[in-house]
Amino acid sequence: MPLKNYGVLKCQAIERKLGEGSTPHYQVLVTDTKVKHRIAINVKSKESPSELLYFVDDKFNHPIIKGLVKLNYGFNQLDSKPGGLALDFIRGNLFAPNQMKPLPYNVPGPDNDLNELLELYIKRALKNKDITLYAFGEKWGPEKNKEDKYFHFLPGNGIHDIHMNQGNAGSFQRDNGVWQDGGLLIHYPSRNQWVGIFLAFQSQSFHTDDRTGDRIETLIAPSIAGIRIIAALVNPGSQDTAKNVTLINTSADKVDLSDWKLADSLKRKQSLSGIINPGEVMQIPLDTNHIQLENDGGIITLLDNNGIKIDGVSYTKEDAQKPDWTILF
């Protein structure tokens, strides 16, 4: 069952507490300039292995940024569907899953655990009120006549599930859904920088059903996994030039692309065909009746003949500014 109240909290940091205890969460007290909230960030898994997977992108750049800055401070409920501001670690092409690495939450010594990783970025936000946090997850509260148990404000109010929310098994399968992943984005306007902090549990799967978010048990052949999107022309300068996407086969085997598909940010699809040989580059002209790559930013996803995501990229409005220039991923 998907999350009940998914969205993003736009806010500023006031205080924080390190995660500790049997189910530790890194806690952040924030304000939306009027109301206080608590952000609860998991730093340890209940399932084995206990170390969470993490990825920090210090140069986060994605089409959703332009929509986030327009949001009002406070909690903004989001529709769990493509084309909006909702996060999906698999379908949103935010990062490559193999960029995530496990990290324990509490290890003796400096700068070597998840608590300290979060501390690095949150302490900066505490020192500068121009820094804005965007916490994606499930909202709770306001809890009338019940003060927050960590920061003691009234009424209790906050957001949790700041992590991947699909591909779960067992009792946590009830939280599965698509376009409802959690995450923490931090905007440093003075230096025009965005940071993305993404967390997942090692027990979760990065192959999930497009409708339910439930895990799909599948093995992808190395040759199939070796097909990559390396470039795209999304802003042709004349009607004689077609938009196109370029693939490369990095594997040692030829791959049949029959019934493979390219998908855009709204999941409109174009079917592929043909054989791509080892080391070969294939340029695919786009049929605008089936797939649309807009000049103000978008995502491109490559799906195999079973509908499994093989690769995905994103580009921004700035990437697509120059007519006839090909974007290199």
C-alpha atoms as a PDB file:
ATOM      1  CA  MET A   1       0.000   0.000   0.000  1.00  0.00           C
ATOM      2  CA  PRO A   2       1.557   3.352  -1.003  1.00  0.00           C
ATOM      3  CA  LEU A   3       2.373   6.095   1.502  1.00  0.00           C
ATOM      4  CA  LYS A   4      -0.753   7.927   2.655  1.00  0.00           C
ATOM      5  CA  ASN A   5       0.504  11.524   2.716  1.00  0.00           C
ATOM      6  CA  TYR A   6       3.500  11.859   0.407  1.00  0.00           C
ATOM      7  CA  GLY A   7       5.097  15.182  -0.353  1.00  0.00           C
ATOM      8  CA  VAL A   8       7.987  17.560   0.211  1.00  0.00           C
ATOM      9  CA  LEU A   9       8.601  19.855   3.173  1.00  0.00           C
ATOM     10  CA  LYS A  10      10.340  23.111   2.206  1.00  0.00           C
ATOM     11  CA  CYS A  11      11.967  24.498   5.332  1.00  0.00           C
ATOM     12  CA  GLN A  12      14.989  25.867   7.217  1.00  0.00           C
ATOM     13  CA  ALA A  13      17.012  24.048   9.879  1.00  0.00           C
ATOM     14  CA  ILE A  14      16.925  25.153  13.538  1.00  0.00           C
ATOM     15  CA  GLU A  15      18.469  22.273  15.535  1.00  0.00           C
ATOM     16  CA  ARG A  16      19.429  18.602  15.219  1.00  0.00           C
ATOM     17  CA  LYS A  17      20.114  15.437  17.236  1.00  0.00           C
ATOM     18  CA  LEU A  18      22.312  12.516  16.197  1.00  0.00           C
ATOM     19  CA  GLY A  19      20.657   9.127  15.692  1.00  0.00           C
ATOM     20  CA  GLU A  20      21.044   6.734  18.611  1.00  0.00           C
ATOM     21  CA  GLY A  21      19.271   3.840  20.324  1.00  0.00           C
ATOM     22  CA  SER A  22      17.825   0.621  18.866  1.00  0.00           C
ATOM     23  CA  THR A  23      16.096   2.317  15.897  1.00  0.00           C
ATOM     24  CA  PRO A  24      18.219   5.424  15.393  1.00  0.00           C
ATOM     25  CA  HIS A  25      17.081   8.384  13.304  1.00  0.00           C
ATOM     26  CA  TYR A  26      18.977  11.589  12.674  1.00  0.00           C
ATOM     27  CA  GLN A  27      16.476  14.216  13.857  1.00  0.00           C
ATOM     28  CA  VAL A  28      16.281  17.747  12.458  1.00  0.00           C
ATOM     29  CA  LEU A  29      14.130  20.516  13.913  1.00  0.00           C
ATOM     30  CA  VAL A  30      13.012  22.824  11.117  1.00  0.00           C
ATOM     31  CA  THR A  31      10.646  25.702  10.483  1.00  0.00           C
ATOM     32  CA  ASP A  32       8.576  26.615   7.445  1.00  0.00           C
ATOM     33  CA  THR A  33       8.865  30.240   8.736  1.00  0.00           C
ATOM     34  CA  LYS A  34       5.584  29.819  10.643  1.00  0.00           C
ATOM     35  CA  VAL A  35       5.304  26.249  11.979  1.00  0.00           C
ATOM     36  CA  LYS A  36       7.907  23.878  13.427  1.00  0.00           C
ATOM     37  CA  HIS A  37       8.380  20.357  12.086  1.00  0.00           C
ATOM     38  CA  ARG A  38      10.733  17.445  12.736  1.00  0.00           C
ATOM     39  CA  ILE A  39      12.516  15.569   9.968  1.00  0.00           C
ATOM     40  CA  ALA A  40      13.304  11.961  11.012  1.00  0.00           C
ATOM     41  CA  ILE A  41      16.012  10.384   8.846  1.00  0.00           C
ATOM     42  CA  ASN A  42      16.746   6.642   9.203  1.00  0.00           C
ATOM     43  CA  VAL A  43      20.429   5.912   9.764  1.00  0.00           C
ATOM     44  CA  LYS A  44      20.131   2.169  10.528  1.00  0.00           C
ATOM     45  CA  SER A  45      17.986  -0.603   9.072  1.00  0.00           C
ATOM     46  CA  LYS A  46      15.876  -3.003  11.108  1.00  0.00           C
ATOM     47  CA  GLU A  47      16.589  -5.619   8.442  1.00  0.00           C
ATOM     48  CA  SER A  48      19.972  -7.272   7.971  1.00  0.00           C
ATOM     49  CA  PRO A  49      22.389  -5.941   6.856  1.00  0.00           C
ATOM     50  CA  SER A  50      21.817  -2.930   9.078  1.00  0.00           C
ATOM     51  CA  GLU A  51      23.983  -0.445   7.155  1.00  0.00           C
ATOM     52  CA  LEU A  52      21.989   1.843   4.873  1.00  0.00           C
ATOM     53  CA  LEU A  53      22.988   2.520   1.289  1.00  0.00           C
ATOM     54  CA  TYR A  54      23.717   6.169   0.634  1.00  0.00           C
ATOM     55  CA  PHE A  55      24.641   8.483  -2.223  1.00  0.00           C
ATOM     56  CA  VAL A  56      25.438  12.185  -1.929  1.00  0.00           C
ATOM     57  CA  ASP A  57      25.464  14.305  -5.078  1.00  0.00           C
ATOM     58  CA  ASP A  58      27.279  17.582  -4.314  1.00  0.00           C
ATOM     59  CA  LYS A  59      26.396  18.904  -7.770  1.00  0.00           C
ATOM     60  CA  PHE A  60      22.791  17.782  -8.004  1.00  0.00           C
ATOM     61  CA  ASN A  61      21.218  19.073 -11.211  1.00  0.00           C
ATOM     62  CA  HIS A  62      17.848  17.785 -12.386  1.00  0.00           C
ATOM     63  CA  PRO A  63      14.737  19.212 -14.096  1.00  0.00           C
ATOM     64  CA  ILE A  64      12.738  19.134 -10.819  1.00  0.00           C
ATOM     65  CA  ILE A  65      14.856  21.974  -9.399  1.00  0.00           C
ATOM     66  CA  LYS A  66      12.989  24.655 -11.339  1.00  0.00           C
ATOM     67  CA  GLY A  67       9.697  23.480  -9.809  1.00  0.00           C
ATOM     68  CA  LEU A  68      11.026  23.156  -6.263  1.00  0.00           C
ATOM     69  CA  VAL A  69      12.172  26.773  -6.005  1.00  0.00           C
ATOM     70  CA  LYS A  70       8.638  27.918  -6.872  1.00  0.00           C
ATOM     71  CA  LEU A  71       7.055  26.010  -3.965  1.00  0.00           C
ATOM     72  CA  ASN A  72       5.793  27.775  -0.863  1.00  0.00           C
ATOM     73  CA  TYR A  73       7.515  27.021   2.433  1.00  0.00           C
ATOM     74  CA  GLY A  74       5.774  24.256   4.349  1.00  0.00           C
ATOM     75  CA  PHE A  75       4.523  20.815   3.373  1.00  0.00           C
ATOM     76  CA  ASN A  76       3.539  20.445  -0.274  1.00  0.00           C
ATOM     77  CA  GLN A  77       1.600  17.276  -1.092  1.00  0.00           C
ATOM     78  CA  LEU A  78       2.783  15.652  -4.309  1.00  0.00           C
ATOM     79  CA  ASP A  79       1.020  13.393  -6.769  1.00  0.00           C
ATOM     80  CA  SER A  80       2.824  10.057  -7.120  1.00  0.00           C
ATOM     81  CA  LYS A  81       3.155  10.163 -10.883  1.00  0.00           C
ATOM     82  CA  PRO A  82       5.741  11.017 -13.538  1.00  0.00           C
ATOM     83  CA  GLY A  83       6.192  14.525 -14.880  1.00  0.00           C
ATOM     84  CA  GLY A  84       5.888  16.289 -11.514  1.00  0.00           C
ATOM     85  CA  LEU A  85       8.144  16.836  -8.485  1.00  0.00           C
ATOM     86  CA  ALA A  86       7.772  13.378  -6.902  1.00  0.00           C
ATOM     87  CA  LEU A  87      10.971  11.349  -6.483  1.00  0.00           C
ATOM     88  CA  ASP A  88      11.495   7.860  -7.859  1.00  0.00           C
ATOM     89  CA  PHE A  89      14.997   6.411  -7.506  1.00  0.00           C
ATOM     90  CA  ILE A  90      14.400   4.040 -10.423  1.00  0.00           C
ATOM     91  CA  ARG A  91      12.217   5.992 -12.849  1.00  0.00           C
ATOM     92  CA  GLY A  92      13.304   9.570 -12.140  1.00  0.00           C
ATOM     93  CA  ASN A  93      16.933   9.069 -13.249  1.00  0.00           C
ATOM     94  CA  LEU A  94      18.243  10.946 -10.211  1.00  0.00           C
ATOM     95  CA  PHE A  95      21.408   8.839 -10.027  1.00  0.00           C
ATOM     96  CA  ALA A  96      22.725   5.405 -10.956  1.00  0.00           C
ATOM     97  CA  PRO A  97      21.885   2.796  -8.276  1.00  0.00           C
ATOM     98  CA  ASN A  98      25.452   1.443  -8.372  1.00  0.00           C
ATOM     99  CA  GLN A  99      26.600   4.807  -6.985  1.00  0.00           C
ATOM    100  CA  MET A 100      25.059   3.902  -3.622  1.00  0.00           C
ATOM    101  CA  LYS A 101      27.405   2.447  -0.987  1.00  0.00           C
ATOM    102  CA  PRO A 102      26.739   0.992   2.493  1.00  0.00           C
ATOM    103  CA  LEU A 103      27.668   3.043   5.546  1.00  0.00           C
ATOM    104  CA  PRO A 104      27.220   2.244   9.269  1.00  0.00           C
ATOM    105  CA  TYR A 105      25.450   4.858  11.371  1.00  0.00           C
ATOM    106  CA  ASN A 106      27.853   5.115  14.325  1.00  0.00           C
ATOM    107  CA  VAL A 107      31.562   4.223  14.210  1.00  0.00           C
ATOM    108  CA  PRO A 108      34.310   5.561  16.537  1.00  0.00           C
ATOM    109  CA  GLY A 109      36.461   8.202  14.891  1.00  0.00           C
ATOM    110  CA  PRO A 110      35.717  11.243  12.731  1.00  0.00           C
ATOM    111  CA  ASP A 111      33.929  11.397   9.370  1.00  0.00           C
ATOM    112  CA  ASN A 112      33.261   7.676   8.921  1.00  0.00           C
ATOM    113  CA  ASP A 113      29.555   7.064   9.584  1.00  0.00           C
ATOM    114  CA  LEU A 114      26.110   8.144   8.424  1.00  0.00           C
ATOM    115  CA  ASN A 115      25.426  10.353  11.441  1.00  0.00           C
ATOM    116  CA  GLU A 116      28.548  12.374  10.652  1.00  0.00           C
ATOM    117  CA  LEU A 117      27.750  12.526   6.949  1.00  0.00           C
ATOM    118  CA  LEU A 118      24.367  14.117   7.652  1.00  0.00           C
ATOM    119  CA  GLU A 119      25.936  16.328  10.316  1.00  0.00           C
ATOM    120  CA  LEU A 120      28.290  17.833   7.745  1.00  0.00           C
ATOM    121  CA  TYR A 121      25.448  19.199   5.636  1.00  0.00           C
ATOM    122  CA  ILE A 122      22.942  20.017   8.371  1.00  0.00           C
ATOM    123  CA  LYS A 123      25.486  22.017  10.415  1.00  0.00           C
ATOM    124  CA  ARG A 124      26.048  24.232   7.384  1.00  0.00           C
ATOM    125  CA  ALA A 125      22.304  24.784   7.144  1.00  0.00           C
ATOM    126  CA  LEU A 126      22.135  25.705  10.844  1.00  0.00           C
ATOM    127  CA  LYS A 127      24.732  28.438  10.343  1.00  0.00           C
ATOM    128  CA  ASN A 128      23.106  30.047   7.294  1.00  0.00           C
ATOM    129  CA  LYS A 129      19.378  30.790   7.186  1.00  0.00           C
ATOM    130  CA  ASP A 130      19.525  31.316   3.410  1.00  0.00           C
ATOM    131  CA  ILE A 131      20.004  27.569   2.983  1.00  0.00           C
ATOM    132  CA  THR A 132      16.756  25.744   2.189  1.00  0.00           C
ATOM    133  CA  LEU A 133      15.976  22.084   2.879  1.00  0.00           C
ATOM    134  CA  TYR A 134      13.567  20.015   0.800  1.00  0.00           C
ATOM    135  CA  ALA A 135      12.622  16.839   2.701  1.00  0.00           C
ATOM    136  CA  PHE A 136      10.676  14.256   0.677  1.00  0.00           C
ATOM    137  CA  GLY A 137       8.686  11.582   2.501  1.00  0.00           C
ATOM    138  CA  GLU A 138       5.466  10.957   4.434  1.00  0.00           C
ATOM    139  CA  LYS A 139       3.994  13.628   6.698  1.00  0.00           C
ATOM    140  CA  TRP A 140       2.567  13.067  10.145  1.00  0.00           C
ATOM    141  CA  GLY A 141       0.610  15.446  12.364  1.00  0.00           C
ATOM    142  CA  PRO A 142      -0.239  17.941  13.526  1.00  0.00           C
ATOM    143  CA  GLU A 143      -0.755  15.921  16.707  1.00  0.00           C
ATOM    144  CA  LYS A 144      -3.063  17.996  18.912  1.00  0.00           C
ATOM    145  CA  ASN A 145      -2.102  18.245  22.588  1.00  0.00           C
ATOM    146  CA  LYS A 146       0.988  16.094  21.969  1.00  0.00           C
ATOM    147  CA  GLU A 147       4.388  17.740  21.989  1.00  0.00           C
ATOM    148  CA  ASP A 148       7.278  16.496  19.892  1.00  0.00           C
ATOM    149  CA  LYS A 149       9.260  13.911  21.875  1.00  0.00           C
ATOM    150  CA  TYR A 150      12.667  15.146  20.706  1.00  0.00           C
ATOM    151  CA  PHE A 151      12.351  18.934  20.483  1.00  0.00           C
ATOM    152  CA  HIS A 152       9.228  19.427  22.670  1.00  0.00           C
ATOM    153  CA  PHE A 153       7.320  21.829  20.419  1.00  0.00           C
ATOM    154  CA  LEU A 154       3.529  21.685  20.290  1.00  0.00           C
ATOM    155  CA  PRO A 155       1.744  20.282  18.363  1.00  0.00           C
ATOM    156  CA  GLY A 156       3.985  17.448  17.164  1.00  0.00           C
ATOM    157  CA  ASN A 157       4.436  17.618  13.425  1.00  0.00           C
ATOM    158  CA  GLY A 158       6.925  16.242  10.919  1.00  0.00           C
ATOM    159  CA  ILE A 159       7.991  14.085   8.011  1.00  0.00           C
ATOM    160  CA  HIS A 160       9.636  10.654   7.857  1.00  0.00           C
ATOM    161  CA  ASP A 161      10.368   7.854   5.356  1.00  0.00           C
ATOM    162  CA  ILE A 162      13.239   9.975   3.990  1.00  0.00           C
ATOM    163  CA  HIS A 163      14.473   7.009   1.962  1.00  0.00           C
ATOM    164  CA  MET A 164      13.552   4.745  -0.953  1.00  0.00           C
ATOM    165  CA  ASN A 165       9.951   3.541  -0.552  1.00  0.00           C
ATOM    166  CA  GLN A 166       9.664   0.663  -3.029  1.00  0.00           C
ATOM    167  CA  GLY A 167      11.187  -2.752  -3.593  1.00  0.00           C
ATOM    168  CA  ASN A 168      10.490  -3.838  -0.001  1.00  0.00           C
ATOM    169  CA  ALA A 169       9.740  -7.421   0.993  1.00  0.00           C
ATOM    170  CA  GLY A 170       8.040  -8.969   4.023  1.00  0.00           C
ATOM    171  CA  SER A 171       6.211  -6.692   6.446  1.00  0.00           C
ATOM    172  CA  PHE A 172       7.586  -3.548   4.781  1.00  0.00           C
ATOM    173  CA  GLN A 173       6.012  -4.454   1.447  1.00  0.00           C
ATOM    174  CA  ARG A 174       2.937  -2.490   2.549  1.00  0.00           C
ATOM    175  CA  ASP A 175       4.886   0.757   1.999  1.00  0.00           C
ATOM    176  CA  ASN A 176       5.742  -0.005  -1.635  1.00  0.00           C
ATOM    177  CA  GLY A 177       4.719   2.420  -4.343  1.00  0.00           C
ATOM    178  CA  VAL A 178       6.115   4.242  -7.357  1.00  0.00           C
ATOM    179  CA  TRP A 179       6.959   7.956  -7.481  1.00  0.00           C
ATOM    180  CA  GLN A 180       6.979   8.268  -3.689  1.00  0.00           C
ATOM    181  CA  ASP A 181      10.621   7.898  -2.684  1.00  0.00           C
ATOM    182  CA  GLY A 182      12.072  10.000   0.103  1.00  0.00           C
ATOM    183  CA  GLY A 183      15.210  12.094  -0.012  1.00  0.00           C
ATOM    184  CA  LEU A 184      16.799  15.306   1.189  1.00  0.00           C
ATOM    185  CA  LEU A 185      17.750  18.116  -1.194  1.00  0.00           C
ATOM    186  CA  ILE A 186      19.649  21.152   0.081  1.00  0.00           C
ATOM    187  CA  HIS A 187      19.862  24.456  -1.797  1.00  0.00           C
ATOM    188  CA  TYR A 188      22.763  26.857  -1.225  1.00  0.00           C
ATOM    189  CA  PRO A 189      21.599  29.924  -3.191  1.00  0.00           C
ATOM    190  CA  SER A 190      24.683  32.062  -2.470  1.00  0.00           C
ATOM    191  CA  ARG A 191      26.870  29.629  -4.407  1.00  0.00           C
ATOM    192  CA  ASN A 192      24.186  28.322  -6.762  1.00  0.00           C
ATOM    193  CA  GLN A 193      24.627  24.762  -5.477  1.00  0.00           C
ATOM    194  CA  TRP A 194      22.247  21.904  -4.827  1.00  0.00           C
ATOM    195  CA  VAL A 195      23.115  18.788  -2.806  1.00  0.00           C
ATOM    196  CA  GLY A 196      21.095  15.574  -3.030  1.00  0.00           C
ATOM    197  CA  ILE A 197      21.202  13.006  -0.204  1.00  0.00           C
ATOM    198  CA  PHE A 198      19.607   9.662  -1.070  1.00  0.00           C
ATOM    199  CA  LEU A 199      19.195   6.629   1.212  1.00  0.00           C
ATOM    200  CA  ALA A 200      18.002   3.059   0.678  1.00  0.00           C
ATOM    201  CA  PHE A 201      18.001  -0.221   2.581  1.00  0.00           C
ATOM    202  CA  GLN A 202      20.184  -3.076   1.361  1.00  0.00           C
ATOM    203  CA  SER A 203      17.133  -5.360   1.642  1.00  0.00           C
ATOM    204  CA  GLN A 204      15.309  -3.350  -1.053  1.00  0.00           C
ATOM    205  CA  SER A 205      15.333  -4.158  -4.776  1.00  0.00           C
ATOM    206  CA  PHE A 206      16.051  -1.667  -7.569  1.00  0.00           C
ATOM    207  CA  HIS A 207      13.855  -3.632  -9.984  1.00  0.00           C
ATOM    208  CA  THR A 208      10.208  -2.933  -9.210  1.00  0.00           C
ATOM    209  CA  ASP A 209       6.782  -3.186 -10.789  1.00  0.00           C
ATOM    210  CA  ASP A 210       5.737  -0.003 -12.620  1.00  0.00           C
ATOM    211  CA  ARG A 211       2.299  -0.061 -11.000  1.00  0.00           C
ATOM    212  CA  THR A 212       2.783  -1.345  -7.450  1.00  0.00           C
ATOM    213  CA  GLY A 213       6.432  -0.693  -6.673  1.00  0.00           C
ATOM    214  CA  ASP A 214       6.761  -4.320  -5.533  1.00  0.00           C
ATOM    215  CA  ARG A 215      10.113  -5.980  -6.127  1.00  0.00           C
ATOM    216  CA  ILE A 216      10.748  -7.923  -9.307  1.00  0.00           C
ATOM    217  CA  GLU A 217      13.166 -10.791  -8.964  1.00  0.00           C
ATOM    218  CA  THR A 218      15.153 -10.719 -12.160  1.00  0.00           C
ATOM    219  CA  LEU A 219      18.671 -11.295 -13.395  1.00  0.00           C
ATOM    220  CA  ILE A 220      19.962  -9.057 -16.166  1.00  0.00           C
ATOM    221  CA  ALA A 221      22.564 -10.507 -18.516  1.00  0.00           C
ATOM    222  CA  PRO A 222      25.838  -8.542 -18.517  1.00  0.00           C
ATOM    223  CA  SER A 223      25.493  -7.898 -22.249  1.00  0.00           C
ATOM    224  CA  ILE A 224      22.045  -6.311 -21.741  1.00  0.00           C
ATOM    225  CA  ALA A 225      23.275  -4.269 -18.776  1.00  0.00           C
ATOM    226  CA  GLY A 226      26.078  -3.029 -21.009  1.00  0.00           C
ATOM    227  CA  ILE A 227      23.789  -0.918 -23.207  1.00  0.00           C
ATOM    228  CA  ARG A 228      24.083   2.738 -22.240  1.00  0.00           C
ATOM    229  CA  ILE A 229      22.612   6.101 -23.248  1.00  0.00           C
ATOM    230  CA  ILE A 230      25.590   8.332 -23.999  1.00  0.00           C
ATOM    231  CA  ALA A 231      24.153  11.377 -25.805  1.00  0.00           C
ATOM    232  CA  ALA A 232      21.020  13.113 -27.078  1.00  0.00           C
ATOM    233  CA  LEU A 233      20.139  15.932 -29.446  1.00  0.00           C
ATOM    234  CA  VAL A 234      17.009  17.519 -27.981  1.00  0.00           C
ATOM    235  CA  ASN A 235      17.155  20.990 -29.557  1.00  0.00           C
ATOM    236  CA  PRO A 236      17.660  20.715 -33.320  1.00  0.00           C
ATOM    237  CA  GLY A 237      18.231  24.040 -35.054  1.00  0.00           C
ATOM    238  CA  SER A 238      16.155  23.293 -38.142  1.00  0.00           C
ATOM    239  CA  GLN A 239      13.251  21.153 -39.281  1.00  0.00           C
ATOM    240  CA  ASP A 240      15.670  19.085 -41.350  1.00  0.00           C
ATOM    241  CA  THR A 241      17.398  17.808 -38.214  1.00  0.00           C
ATOM    242  CA  ALA A 242      15.651  15.196 -36.060  1.00  0.00           C
ATOM    243  CA  LYS A 243      15.909  14.837 -32.324  1.00  0.00           C
ATOM    244  CA  ASN A 244      17.863  11.712 -31.503  1.00  0.00           C
ATOM    245  CA  VAL A 245      19.325   9.562 -28.737  1.00  0.00           C
ATOM    246  CA  THR A 246      22.659   7.759 -28.994  1.00  0.00           C
ATOM    247  CA  LEU A 247      23.293   4.317 -27.449  1.00  0.00           C
ATOM    248  CA  ILE A 248      26.528   2.367 -27.060  1.00  0.00           C
ATOM    249  CA  ASN A 249      27.082  -1.349 -26.474  1.00  0.00           C
ATOM    250  CA  THR A 250      29.896  -1.564 -23.929  1.00  0.00           C
ATOM    251  CA  SER A 251      29.674  -5.367 -23.710  1.00  0.00           C
ATOM    252  CA  ALA A 252      31.516  -8.050 -25.680  1.00  0.00           C
ATOM    253  CA  ASP A 253      28.295  -9.488 -27.170  1.00  0.00           C
ATOM    254  CA  LYS A 254      25.829  -8.297 -29.774  1.00  0.00           C
ATOM    255  CA  VAL A 255      22.410  -7.375 -28.375  1.00  0.00           C
ATOM    256  CA  ASP A 256      19.049  -7.573 -30.133  1.00  0.00           C
ATOM    257  CA  LEU A 257      17.070  -4.396 -29.375  1.00  0.00           C
ATOM    258  CA  SER A 258      13.758  -5.790 -30.670  1.00  0.00           C
ATOM    259  CA  ASP A 259      10.880  -4.635 -28.444  1.00  0.00           C
ATOM    260  CA  TRP A 260      13.191  -2.437 -26.365  1.00  0.00           C
ATOM    261  CA  LYS A 261      11.887   1.072 -25.707  1.00  0.00           C
ATOM    262  CA  LEU A 262      12.950   4.618 -24.955  1.00  0.00           C
ATOM    263  CA  ALA A 263      10.719   6.527 -22.528  1.00  0.00           C
ATOM    264  CA  ASP A 264      10.457  10.244 -21.724  1.00  0.00           C
ATOM    265  CA  SER A 265       9.593  12.023 -18.455  1.00  0.00           C
ATOM    266  CA  LEU A 266       5.869  11.272 -18.879  1.00  0.00           C
ATOM    267  CA  LYS A 267       6.643   7.635 -19.746  1.00  0.00           C
ATOM    268  CA  ARG A 268       5.620   7.988 -23.376  1.00  0.00           C
ATOM    269  CA  LYS A 269       7.507   5.280 -25.234  1.00  0.00           C
ATOM    270  CA  GLN A 270       9.142   4.650 -28.597  1.00  0.00           C
ATOM    271  CA  SER A 271       9.913   1.084 -29.671  1.00  0.00           C
ATOM    272  CA  LEU A 272      13.401   0.113 -30.876  1.00  0.00           C
ATOM    273  CA  SER A 273      14.717  -2.586 -33.190  1.00  0.00           C
ATOM    274  CA  GLY A 274      17.941  -3.838 -34.723  1.00  0.00           C
ATOM    275  CA  ILE A 275      21.187  -5.397 -33.557  1.00  0.00           C
ATOM    276  CA  ILE A 276      23.815  -3.356 -31.742  1.00  0.00           C
ATOM    277  CA  ASN A 277      27.229  -5.008 -31.989  1.00  0.00           C
ATOM    278  CA  PRO A 278      30.016  -4.951 -29.380  1.00  0.00           C
ATOM    279  CA  GLY A 279      31.496  -1.476 -29.111  1.00  0.00           C
ATOM    280  CA  GLU A 280      29.000  -0.119 -31.622  1.00  0.00           C
ATOM    281  CA  VAL A 281      27.263   3.249 -31.314  1.00  0.00           C
ATOM    282  CA  MET A 282      23.680   3.511 -32.550  1.00  0.00           C
ATOM    283  CA  GLN A 283      21.903   6.830 -33.141  1.00  0.00           C
ATOM    284  CA  ILE A 284      18.115   6.588 -32.868  1.00  0.00           C
ATOM    285  CA  PRO A 285      15.965   9.273 -34.550  1.00  0.00           C
ATOM    286  CA  LEU A 286      13.009  10.109 -32.346  1.00  0.00           C
ATOM    287  CA  ASP A 287       9.412   9.890 -33.501  1.00  0.00           C
ATOM    288  CA  THR A 288       7.745  12.902 -31.873  1.00  0.00           C
ATOM    289  CA  ASN A 289       4.379  11.175 -32.205  1.00  0.00           C
ATOM    290  CA  HIS A 290       5.528   8.740 -29.518  1.00  0.00           C
ATOM    291  CA  ILE A 291       8.172  10.448 -27.375  1.00  0.00           C
ATOM    292  CA  GLN A 292       8.830  14.089 -26.489  1.00  0.00           C
ATOM    293  CA  LEU A 293      12.154  15.503 -25.294  1.00  0.00           C
ATOM    294  CA  GLU A 294      11.460  19.088 -24.296  1.00  0.00           C
ATOM    295  CA  ASN A 295      13.976  21.934 -24.394  1.00  0.00           C
ATOM    296  CA  ASP A 296      13.246  22.954 -20.789  1.00  0.00           C
ATOM    297  CA  GLY A 297      14.619  19.726 -19.304  1.00  0.00           C
ATOM    298  CA  GLY A 298      13.612  16.089 -19.114  1.00  0.00           C
ATOM    299  CA  ILE A 299      14.594  12.482 -18.580  1.00  0.00           C
ATOM    300  CA  ILE A 300      15.341   9.617 -20.971  1.00  0.00           C
ATOM    301  CA  THR A 301      14.983   5.989 -19.903  1.00  0.00           C
ATOM    302  CA  LEU A 302      16.023   2.811 -21.722  1.00  0.00           C
ATOM    303  CA  LEU A 303      13.850  -0.281 -21.128  1.00  0.00           C
ATOM    304  CA  ASP A 304      14.560  -3.818 -22.303  1.00  0.00           C
ATOM    305  CA  ASN A 305      11.989  -6.134 -23.926  1.00  0.00           C
ATOM    306  CA  ASN A 306      10.651  -7.069 -20.469  1.00  0.00           C
ATOM    307  CA  GLY A 307      10.130  -3.443 -19.470  1.00  0.00           C
ATOM    308  CA  ILE A 308      13.084  -3.479 -17.060  1.00  0.00           C
ATOM    309  CA  LYS A 309      15.069  -0.259 -16.798  1.00  0.00           C
ATOM    310  CA  ILE A 310      18.579  -0.716 -18.204  1.00  0.00           C
ATOM    311  CA  ASP A 311      19.781   2.891 -18.153  1.00  0.00           C
ATOM    312  CA  GLY A 312      18.482   6.402 -17.607  1.00  0.00           C
ATOM    313  CA  VAL A 313      19.702   9.993 -17.811  1.00  0.00           C
ATOM    314  CA  SER A 314      18.368  13.485 -17.170  1.00  0.00           C
ATOM    315  CA  TYR A 315      19.099  16.909 -18.631  1.00  0.00           C
ATOM    316  CA  THR A 316      18.177  20.473 -17.680  1.00  0.00           C
ATOM    317  CA  LYS A 317      16.981  23.528 -19.569  1.00  0.00           C
ATOM    318  CA  GLU A 318      20.533  24.864 -19.489  1.00  0.00           C
ATOM    319  CA  ASP A 319      21.851  21.671 -21.097  1.00  0.00           C
ATOM    320  CA  ALA A 320      19.474  22.129 -24.026  1.00  0.00           C
ATOM    321  CA  GLN A 321      20.041  25.831 -24.682  1.00  0.00           C
ATOM    322  CA  LYS A 322      22.321  25.587 -27.730  1.00  0.00           C
ATOM    323  CA  PRO A 323      20.542  24.585 -30.965  1.00  0.00           C
ATOM    324  CA  ASP A 324      22.129  21.606 -32.777  1.00  0.00           C
ATOM    325  CA  TRP A 325      24.450  20.848 -29.827  1.00  0.00           C
ATOM    326  CA  THR A 326      24.405  17.256 -28.608  1.00  0.00           C
ATOM    327  CA  ILE A 327      24.164  16.691 -24.840  1.00  0.00           C
ATOM    328  CA  LEU A 328      26.797  14.214 -23.616  1.00  0.00           C
ATOM    329  CA  PHE A 329      25.908  12.101 -20.577  1.00  0.00           C
END
